[in-house]
């Protein structure tokens, strides 16, 4: 299975069918929740939990993300069963969640172990998990593919067209929230990097009685000579009081 970190949220109760008005209200409340805690992992975990709460037939759910090198890895899961199916898909390089994440193909499967023509190796190995209905939807933000929302049930043929419709609506909201959380995380990281570089410049300015531009030039020179990122050089300087040497 992909080695990237994931979070398990614990499996909520099985989702039940909602009227459109109730569903719209529930989705609006979900958006409010995601905005209250917009951290990347919190958004992923709440999305997975909401999938079980809202999508008819869902017993388990998760979110997988496409990472560098077109690797698909689990990002959140409500149960160990979701992770076990992820592991099989990673090992075989095929499956409904991989199709949804990488090829933008929704998949609604009555029993993944019976899909011997579509995913022969996965189907053979998935039978050890028992009967497993799967519904996977592509998650995107604009034109940018992010990954997939996946729903599982231990009942055969658990997902119908209504379940797919609700899951698709949830995937749209999830895509926006995940992209926003990622952007916020990058912004916070960028600000933290700027703060460390500013501290390092201050140390050099005070020590050598030089200007801010001259201090930055010293940091940049050390970065180039040591073949390390400017931020890493600044971290070393603030921690040790010395510029790293070649």
C-alpha atoms as a PDB file:
ATOM      1  CA  UNK A   1       0.000   0.000   0.000  1.00  0.00           C
ATOM      2  CA  UNK A   2       1.142   3.569  -0.563  1.00  0.00           C
ATOM      3  CA  UNK A   3       3.303   4.654   2.329  1.00  0.00           C
ATOM      4  CA  UNK A   4       1.852   8.131   2.715  1.00  0.00           C
ATOM      5  CA  UNK A   5       0.085   8.949   5.949  1.00  0.00           C
ATOM      6  CA  UNK A   6      -3.625   8.519   6.350  1.00  0.00           C
ATOM      7  CA  UNK A   7      -6.136   9.035   9.125  1.00  0.00           C
ATOM      8  CA  UNK A   8      -8.867   6.626  10.203  1.00  0.00           C
ATOM      9  CA  UNK A   9     -12.012   8.340  11.402  1.00  0.00           C
ATOM     10  CA  UNK A  10     -13.941   5.379  12.807  1.00  0.00           C
ATOM     11  CA  UNK A  11     -17.014   4.006  11.044  1.00  0.00           C
ATOM     12  CA  UNK A  12     -20.281   5.884  11.556  1.00  0.00           C
ATOM     13  CA  UNK A  13     -23.700   4.378  11.018  1.00  0.00           C
ATOM     14  CA  UNK A  14     -24.939   3.352   7.581  1.00  0.00           C
ATOM     15  CA  UNK A  15     -26.238   6.238   5.455  1.00  0.00           C
ATOM     16  CA  UNK A  16     -29.970   6.566   4.734  1.00  0.00           C
ATOM     17  CA  UNK A  17     -31.831   8.091   1.820  1.00  0.00           C
ATOM     18  CA  UNK A  18     -32.695  11.776   2.248  1.00  0.00           C
ATOM     19  CA  UNK A  19     -35.175  14.020   0.491  1.00  0.00           C
ATOM     20  CA  UNK A  20     -33.559  16.613  -1.763  1.00  0.00           C
ATOM     21  CA  UNK A  21     -34.361  19.422   0.650  1.00  0.00           C
ATOM     22  CA  UNK A  22     -32.832  17.556   3.568  1.00  0.00           C
ATOM     23  CA  UNK A  23     -29.801  16.651   1.479  1.00  0.00           C
ATOM     24  CA  UNK A  24     -29.232  20.264   0.472  1.00  0.00           C
ATOM     25  CA  UNK A  25     -29.436  21.283   4.129  1.00  0.00           C
ATOM     26  CA  UNK A  26     -27.032  18.522   5.167  1.00  0.00           C
ATOM     27  CA  UNK A  27     -24.537  19.514   2.484  1.00  0.00           C
ATOM     28  CA  UNK A  28     -24.782  23.162   3.539  1.00  0.00           C
ATOM     29  CA  UNK A  29     -24.099  22.159   7.141  1.00  0.00           C
ATOM     30  CA  UNK A  30     -21.142  20.077   5.969  1.00  0.00           C
ATOM     31  CA  UNK A  31     -19.672  23.061   4.131  1.00  0.00           C
ATOM     32  CA  UNK A  32     -20.011  25.125   7.325  1.00  0.00           C
ATOM     33  CA  UNK A  33     -18.217  22.408   9.305  1.00  0.00           C
ATOM     34  CA  UNK A  34     -15.377  22.233   6.806  1.00  0.00           C
ATOM     35  CA  UNK A  35     -14.942  26.003   6.960  1.00  0.00           C
ATOM     36  CA  UNK A  36     -14.775  25.951  10.760  1.00  0.00           C
ATOM     37  CA  UNK A  37     -11.804  23.559  10.696  1.00  0.00           C
ATOM     38  CA  UNK A  38     -10.181  23.980   7.275  1.00  0.00           C
ATOM     39  CA  UNK A  39      -7.030  21.977   8.025  1.00  0.00           C
ATOM     40  CA  UNK A  40      -6.229  19.527   5.243  1.00  0.00           C
ATOM     41  CA  UNK A  41      -6.595  16.340   7.291  1.00  0.00           C
ATOM     42  CA  UNK A  42      -9.746  17.534   9.039  1.00  0.00           C
ATOM     43  CA  UNK A  43     -11.394  18.186   5.671  1.00  0.00           C
ATOM     44  CA  UNK A  44     -10.454  14.717   4.423  1.00  0.00           C
ATOM     45  CA  UNK A  45     -11.675  12.988   7.586  1.00  0.00           C
ATOM     46  CA  UNK A  46     -14.974  14.878   7.682  1.00  0.00           C
ATOM     47  CA  UNK A  47     -15.584  14.165   4.005  1.00  0.00           C
ATOM     48  CA  UNK A  48     -15.144  10.426   4.552  1.00  0.00           C
ATOM     49  CA  UNK A  49     -17.424  10.437   7.582  1.00  0.00           C
ATOM     50  CA  UNK A  50     -20.055  12.488   5.738  1.00  0.00           C
ATOM     51  CA  UNK A  51     -20.066   9.991   2.883  1.00  0.00           C
ATOM     52  CA  UNK A  52     -21.221   7.243   5.249  1.00  0.00           C
ATOM     53  CA  UNK A  53     -23.786   9.543   6.825  1.00  0.00           C
ATOM     54  CA  UNK A  54     -25.300  10.836   3.578  1.00  0.00           C
ATOM     55  CA  UNK A  55     -24.943   8.241   0.822  1.00  0.00           C
ATOM     56  CA  UNK A  56     -27.621   5.517   0.819  1.00  0.00           C
ATOM     57  CA  UNK A  57     -26.150   2.056   1.369  1.00  0.00           C
ATOM     58  CA  UNK A  58     -22.689   3.213   2.447  1.00  0.00           C
ATOM     59  CA  UNK A  59     -21.123   1.346   5.363  1.00  0.00           C
ATOM     60  CA  UNK A  60     -17.513   2.456   4.897  1.00  0.00           C
ATOM     61  CA  UNK A  61     -15.869   5.338   3.052  1.00  0.00           C
ATOM     62  CA  UNK A  62     -12.575   6.992   2.337  1.00  0.00           C
ATOM     63  CA  UNK A  63     -10.726   9.533   0.257  1.00  0.00           C
ATOM     64  CA  UNK A  64      -7.635   8.802  -1.799  1.00  0.00           C
ATOM     65  CA  UNK A  65      -5.416  11.453  -3.363  1.00  0.00           C
ATOM     66  CA  UNK A  66      -3.218  11.451  -6.436  1.00  0.00           C
ATOM     67  CA  UNK A  67       0.294  12.265  -5.328  1.00  0.00           C
ATOM     68  CA  UNK A  68       3.578  12.926  -7.127  1.00  0.00           C
ATOM     69  CA  UNK A  69       4.334  10.494  -9.923  1.00  0.00           C
ATOM     70  CA  UNK A  70       0.640   9.642 -10.351  1.00  0.00           C
ATOM     71  CA  UNK A  71       0.698   7.509  -7.233  1.00  0.00           C
ATOM     72  CA  UNK A  72      -2.683   7.019  -5.585  1.00  0.00           C
ATOM     73  CA  UNK A  73      -2.600   6.848  -1.808  1.00  0.00           C
ATOM     74  CA  UNK A  74      -5.153   6.697   1.014  1.00  0.00           C
ATOM     75  CA  UNK A  75      -5.691  10.019   2.752  1.00  0.00           C
ATOM     76  CA  UNK A  76      -8.590   9.150   5.069  1.00  0.00           C
ATOM     77  CA  UNK A  77     -10.650   6.059   5.819  1.00  0.00           C
ATOM     78  CA  UNK A  78     -13.521   5.236   8.145  1.00  0.00           C
ATOM     79  CA  UNK A  79     -12.496   1.593   8.577  1.00  0.00           C
ATOM     80  CA  UNK A  80      -9.724  -0.943   8.110  1.00  0.00           C
ATOM     81  CA  UNK A  81     -11.705  -2.530   5.262  1.00  0.00           C
ATOM     82  CA  UNK A  82     -11.265   0.595   3.137  1.00  0.00           C
ATOM     83  CA  UNK A  83      -7.517   0.464   3.701  1.00  0.00           C
ATOM     84  CA  UNK A  84      -7.337  -3.229   2.840  1.00  0.00           C
ATOM     85  CA  UNK A  85      -9.039  -2.619  -0.503  1.00  0.00           C
ATOM     86  CA  UNK A  86      -6.675   0.317  -1.100  1.00  0.00           C
ATOM     87  CA  UNK A  87      -3.732  -1.968  -0.426  1.00  0.00           C
ATOM     88  CA  UNK A  88      -4.966  -4.518  -2.966  1.00  0.00           C
ATOM     89  CA  UNK A  89      -5.467  -1.815  -5.594  1.00  0.00           C
ATOM     90  CA  UNK A  90      -1.984  -0.428  -4.941  1.00  0.00           C
ATOM     91  CA  UNK A  91      -0.470  -3.905  -5.228  1.00  0.00           C
ATOM     92  CA  UNK A  92      -2.300  -4.759  -8.459  1.00  0.00           C
ATOM     93  CA  UNK A  93      -2.336  -1.287 -10.017  1.00  0.00           C
ATOM     94  CA  UNK A  94      -6.015  -1.640 -10.911  1.00  0.00           C
ATOM     95  CA  UNK A  95      -9.457  -1.168  -9.444  1.00  0.00           C
ATOM     96  CA  UNK A  96     -12.456   1.152  -9.175  1.00  0.00           C
ATOM     97  CA  UNK A  97     -10.778   3.787  -6.997  1.00  0.00           C
ATOM     98  CA  UNK A  98      -7.728   3.860  -9.260  1.00  0.00           C
ATOM     99  CA  UNK A  99      -9.975   4.308 -12.310  1.00  0.00           C
ATOM    100  CA  UNK A 100     -11.842   7.151 -10.605  1.00  0.00           C
ATOM    101  CA  UNK A 101      -8.723   8.907  -9.314  1.00  0.00           C
ATOM    102  CA  UNK A 102      -6.448   8.562 -12.346  1.00  0.00           C
ATOM    103  CA  UNK A 103      -8.818   8.200 -15.287  1.00  0.00           C
ATOM    104  CA  UNK A 104     -11.837  10.171 -14.043  1.00  0.00           C
ATOM    105  CA  UNK A 105     -14.134   7.184 -14.518  1.00  0.00           C
ATOM    106  CA  UNK A 106     -16.897   6.699 -11.965  1.00  0.00           C
ATOM    107  CA  UNK A 107     -17.328   3.078 -10.899  1.00  0.00           C
ATOM    108  CA  UNK A 108     -20.407   1.444  -9.367  1.00  0.00           C
ATOM    109  CA  UNK A 109     -19.708  -2.232  -8.682  1.00  0.00           C
ATOM    110  CA  UNK A 110     -22.102  -4.807  -7.207  1.00  0.00           C
ATOM    111  CA  UNK A 111     -19.244  -7.047  -6.013  1.00  0.00           C
ATOM    112  CA  UNK A 112     -15.630  -6.194  -6.774  1.00  0.00           C
ATOM    113  CA  UNK A 113     -14.635  -9.844  -6.426  1.00  0.00           C
ATOM    114  CA  UNK A 114     -16.811 -10.694  -9.429  1.00  0.00           C
ATOM    115  CA  UNK A 115     -15.209  -8.146 -11.789  1.00  0.00           C
ATOM    116  CA  UNK A 116     -12.825 -10.665 -13.354  1.00  0.00           C
ATOM    117  CA  UNK A 117     -12.913  -9.087 -16.829  1.00  0.00           C
ATOM    118  CA  UNK A 118     -12.409  -5.492 -15.743  1.00  0.00           C
ATOM    119  CA  UNK A 119      -9.857  -6.026 -12.953  1.00  0.00           C
ATOM    120  CA  UNK A 120      -8.782  -9.684 -13.074  1.00  0.00           C
ATOM    121  CA  UNK A 121      -5.984  -9.617 -10.511  1.00  0.00           C
ATOM    122  CA  UNK A 122      -7.842  -7.386  -8.074  1.00  0.00           C
ATOM    123  CA  UNK A 123     -11.023  -9.456  -8.352  1.00  0.00           C
ATOM    124  CA  UNK A 124      -9.134 -12.638  -7.536  1.00  0.00           C
ATOM    125  CA  UNK A 125      -7.507 -11.171  -4.440  1.00  0.00           C
ATOM    126  CA  UNK A 126     -10.523  -9.125  -3.288  1.00  0.00           C
ATOM    127  CA  UNK A 127     -12.621 -12.265  -2.765  1.00  0.00           C
ATOM    128  CA  UNK A 128     -10.724 -12.758   0.486  1.00  0.00           C
ATOM    129  CA  UNK A 129     -12.465  -9.624   1.771  1.00  0.00           C
ATOM    130  CA  UNK A 130     -15.911 -11.132   1.198  1.00  0.00           C
ATOM    131  CA  UNK A 131     -18.726  -9.579  -0.812  1.00  0.00           C
ATOM    132  CA  UNK A 132     -17.900  -5.929  -1.386  1.00  0.00           C
ATOM    133  CA  UNK A 133     -20.000  -3.346  -3.229  1.00  0.00           C
ATOM    134  CA  UNK A 134     -17.994  -0.319  -4.282  1.00  0.00           C
ATOM    135  CA  UNK A 135     -18.891   3.170  -5.492  1.00  0.00           C
ATOM    136  CA  UNK A 136     -16.040   5.487  -6.516  1.00  0.00           C
ATOM    137  CA  UNK A 137     -16.292   9.062  -7.810  1.00  0.00           C
ATOM    138  CA  UNK A 138     -13.577  11.324  -9.180  1.00  0.00           C
ATOM    139  CA  UNK A 139     -12.783  14.351  -6.995  1.00  0.00           C
ATOM    140  CA  UNK A 140     -11.602  17.507  -8.729  1.00  0.00           C
ATOM    141  CA  UNK A 141     -11.233  21.235  -8.284  1.00  0.00           C
ATOM    142  CA  UNK A 142     -11.881  22.990 -11.570  1.00  0.00           C
ATOM    143  CA  UNK A 143      -9.840  21.097 -14.151  1.00  0.00           C
ATOM    144  CA  UNK A 144      -7.408  19.755 -11.581  1.00  0.00           C
ATOM    145  CA  UNK A 145      -7.912  16.140 -10.577  1.00  0.00           C
ATOM    146  CA  UNK A 146      -7.361  15.529  -6.868  1.00  0.00           C
ATOM    147  CA  UNK A 147      -8.295  11.913  -6.233  1.00  0.00           C
ATOM    148  CA  UNK A 148     -11.408   9.884  -5.510  1.00  0.00           C
ATOM    149  CA  UNK A 149     -14.221   9.490  -3.015  1.00  0.00           C
ATOM    150  CA  UNK A 150     -14.896   5.809  -2.342  1.00  0.00           C
ATOM    151  CA  UNK A 151     -17.813   4.104  -0.639  1.00  0.00           C
ATOM    152  CA  UNK A 152     -18.016   0.452   0.361  1.00  0.00           C
ATOM    153  CA  UNK A 153     -20.724  -1.903   1.541  1.00  0.00           C
ATOM    154  CA  UNK A 154     -20.551  -5.531   2.619  1.00  0.00           C
ATOM    155  CA  UNK A 155     -23.941  -6.073   0.973  1.00  0.00           C
ATOM    156  CA  UNK A 156     -24.031  -7.039  -2.729  1.00  0.00           C
ATOM    157  CA  UNK A 157     -25.381  -4.397  -5.115  1.00  0.00           C
ATOM    158  CA  UNK A 158     -25.750  -1.864  -2.307  1.00  0.00           C
ATOM    159  CA  UNK A 159     -25.437   1.244  -4.468  1.00  0.00           C
ATOM    160  CA  UNK A 160     -28.048   2.469  -6.934  1.00  0.00           C
ATOM    161  CA  UNK A 161     -28.372   5.543  -9.141  1.00  0.00           C
ATOM    162  CA  UNK A 162     -29.593   7.632  -6.206  1.00  0.00           C
ATOM    163  CA  UNK A 163     -26.533   6.705  -4.168  1.00  0.00           C
ATOM    164  CA  UNK A 164     -24.312   7.713  -7.069  1.00  0.00           C
ATOM    165  CA  UNK A 165     -26.152  11.033  -7.420  1.00  0.00           C
ATOM    166  CA  UNK A 166     -25.696  11.886  -3.739  1.00  0.00           C
ATOM    167  CA  UNK A 167     -22.056  10.786  -3.790  1.00  0.00           C
ATOM    168  CA  UNK A 168     -21.414  12.930  -6.871  1.00  0.00           C
ATOM    169  CA  UNK A 169     -22.805  16.008  -5.090  1.00  0.00           C
ATOM    170  CA  UNK A 170     -20.623  15.266  -2.092  1.00  0.00           C
ATOM    171  CA  UNK A 171     -17.579  14.827  -4.348  1.00  0.00           C
ATOM    172  CA  UNK A 172     -18.129  18.312  -5.805  1.00  0.00           C
ATOM    173  CA  UNK A 173     -18.182  19.913  -2.347  1.00  0.00           C
ATOM    174  CA  UNK A 174     -15.241  17.776  -1.244  1.00  0.00           C
ATOM    175  CA  UNK A 175     -13.142  18.849  -4.214  1.00  0.00           C
ATOM    176  CA  UNK A 176     -13.592  22.525  -3.415  1.00  0.00           C
ATOM    177  CA  UNK A 177     -12.905  22.040   0.291  1.00  0.00           C
ATOM    178  CA  UNK A 178      -9.814  19.876  -0.260  1.00  0.00           C
ATOM    179  CA  UNK A 179      -8.355  22.355  -2.751  1.00  0.00           C
ATOM    180  CA  UNK A 180      -9.029  25.283  -0.396  1.00  0.00           C
ATOM    181  CA  UNK A 181      -7.450  23.415   2.528  1.00  0.00           C
ATOM    182  CA  UNK A 182      -4.388  22.569   0.450  1.00  0.00           C
ATOM    183  CA  UNK A 183      -4.030  26.197  -0.631  1.00  0.00           C
ATOM    184  CA  UNK A 184      -4.322  27.394   2.978  1.00  0.00           C
ATOM    185  CA  UNK A 185      -1.750  24.834   4.106  1.00  0.00           C
ATOM    186  CA  UNK A 186       0.691  25.994   1.427  1.00  0.00           C
ATOM    187  CA  UNK A 187       0.110  29.635   2.395  1.00  0.00           C
ATOM    188  CA  UNK A 188       0.790  28.895   6.053  1.00  0.00           C
ATOM    189  CA  UNK A 189       3.923  26.963   5.113  1.00  0.00           C
ATOM    190  CA  UNK A 190       5.107  29.836   2.932  1.00  0.00           C
ATOM    191  CA  UNK A 191       4.585  32.328   5.764  1.00  0.00           C
ATOM    192  CA  UNK A 192       6.482  30.071   8.158  1.00  0.00           C
ATOM    193  CA  UNK A 193       9.369  29.830   5.691  1.00  0.00           C
ATOM    194  CA  UNK A 194       9.444  33.608   5.289  1.00  0.00           C
ATOM    195  CA  UNK A 195       9.506  34.029   9.061  1.00  0.00           C
ATOM    196  CA  UNK A 196      12.512  31.710   9.475  1.00  0.00           C
ATOM    197  CA  UNK A 197      14.386  33.403   6.627  1.00  0.00           C
ATOM    198  CA  UNK A 198      13.635  36.784   8.220  1.00  0.00           C
ATOM    199  CA  UNK A 199      15.038  35.582  11.548  1.00  0.00           C
ATOM    200  CA  UNK A 200      18.182  34.299   9.827  1.00  0.00           C
ATOM    201  CA  UNK A 201      18.664  37.611   8.033  1.00  0.00           C
ATOM    202  CA  UNK A 202      18.301  39.429  11.345  1.00  0.00           C
ATOM    203  CA  UNK A 203      21.033  37.298  12.915  1.00  0.00           C
ATOM    204  CA  UNK A 204      23.426  38.044  10.052  1.00  0.00           C
ATOM    205  CA  UNK A 205      22.576  41.759   9.997  1.00  0.00           C
ATOM    206  CA  UNK A 206      23.298  42.129  13.701  1.00  0.00           C
ATOM    207  CA  UNK A 207      26.431  39.990  13.640  1.00  0.00           C
ATOM    208  CA  UNK A 208      28.069  41.553  10.583  1.00  0.00           C
ATOM    209  CA  UNK A 209      26.461  45.012  10.688  1.00  0.00           C
ATOM    210  CA  UNK A 210      25.155  44.597   7.150  1.00  0.00           C
ATOM    211  CA  UNK A 211      21.938  45.449   5.299  1.00  0.00           C
ATOM    212  CA  UNK A 212      18.988  43.127   4.767  1.00  0.00           C
ATOM    213  CA  UNK A 213      19.941  42.663   1.102  1.00  0.00           C
ATOM    214  CA  UNK A 214      23.501  41.763   2.050  1.00  0.00           C
ATOM    215  CA  UNK A 215      22.261  39.279   4.654  1.00  0.00           C
ATOM    216  CA  UNK A 216      19.997  37.656   2.085  1.00  0.00           C
ATOM    217  CA  UNK A 217      22.942  37.422  -0.323  1.00  0.00           C
ATOM    218  CA  UNK A 218      24.931  35.525   2.322  1.00  0.00           C
ATOM    219  CA  UNK A 219      22.058  33.089   2.817  1.00  0.00           C
ATOM    220  CA  UNK A 220      21.654  32.619  -0.931  1.00  0.00           C
ATOM    221  CA  UNK A 221      25.388  32.016  -1.327  1.00  0.00           C
ATOM    222  CA  UNK A 222      25.367  29.385   1.433  1.00  0.00           C
ATOM    223  CA  UNK A 223      22.334  27.759  -0.190  1.00  0.00           C
ATOM    224  CA  UNK A 224      24.105  27.551  -3.534  1.00  0.00           C
ATOM    225  CA  UNK A 225      27.416  26.317  -2.125  1.00  0.00           C
ATOM    226  CA  UNK A 226      25.823  23.598   0.009  1.00  0.00           C
ATOM    227  CA  UNK A 227      23.217  22.672  -2.625  1.00  0.00           C
ATOM    228  CA  UNK A 228      20.448  23.062  -0.057  1.00  0.00           C
ATOM    229  CA  UNK A 229      17.203  25.001  -0.030  1.00  0.00           C
ATOM    230  CA  UNK A 230      17.329  28.551   1.281  1.00  0.00           C
ATOM    231  CA  UNK A 231      14.794  27.707   3.985  1.00  0.00           C
ATOM    232  CA  UNK A 232      16.892  24.777   5.238  1.00  0.00           C
ATOM    233  CA  UNK A 233      19.987  26.986   5.421  1.00  0.00           C
ATOM    234  CA  UNK A 234      17.987  29.543   7.428  1.00  0.00           C
ATOM    235  CA  UNK A 235      16.724  26.850   9.819  1.00  0.00           C
ATOM    236  CA  UNK A 236      20.298  25.693  10.467  1.00  0.00           C
ATOM    237  CA  UNK A 237      21.461  29.245  11.084  1.00  0.00           C
ATOM    238  CA  UNK A 238      18.683  30.049  13.553  1.00  0.00           C
ATOM    239  CA  UNK A 239      19.279  26.752  15.383  1.00  0.00           C
ATOM    240  CA  UNK A 240      23.092  26.744  15.519  1.00  0.00           C
ATOM    241  CA  UNK A 241      24.015  30.379  15.011  1.00  0.00           C
ATOM    242  CA  UNK A 242      26.301  29.418  12.138  1.00  0.00           C
ATOM    243  CA  UNK A 243      25.892  29.284   8.385  1.00  0.00           C
ATOM    244  CA  UNK A 244      26.271  25.723   7.063  1.00  0.00           C
ATOM    245  CA  UNK A 245      29.542  25.073   5.299  1.00  0.00           C
ATOM    246  CA  UNK A 246      30.144  23.397   1.970  1.00  0.00           C
END
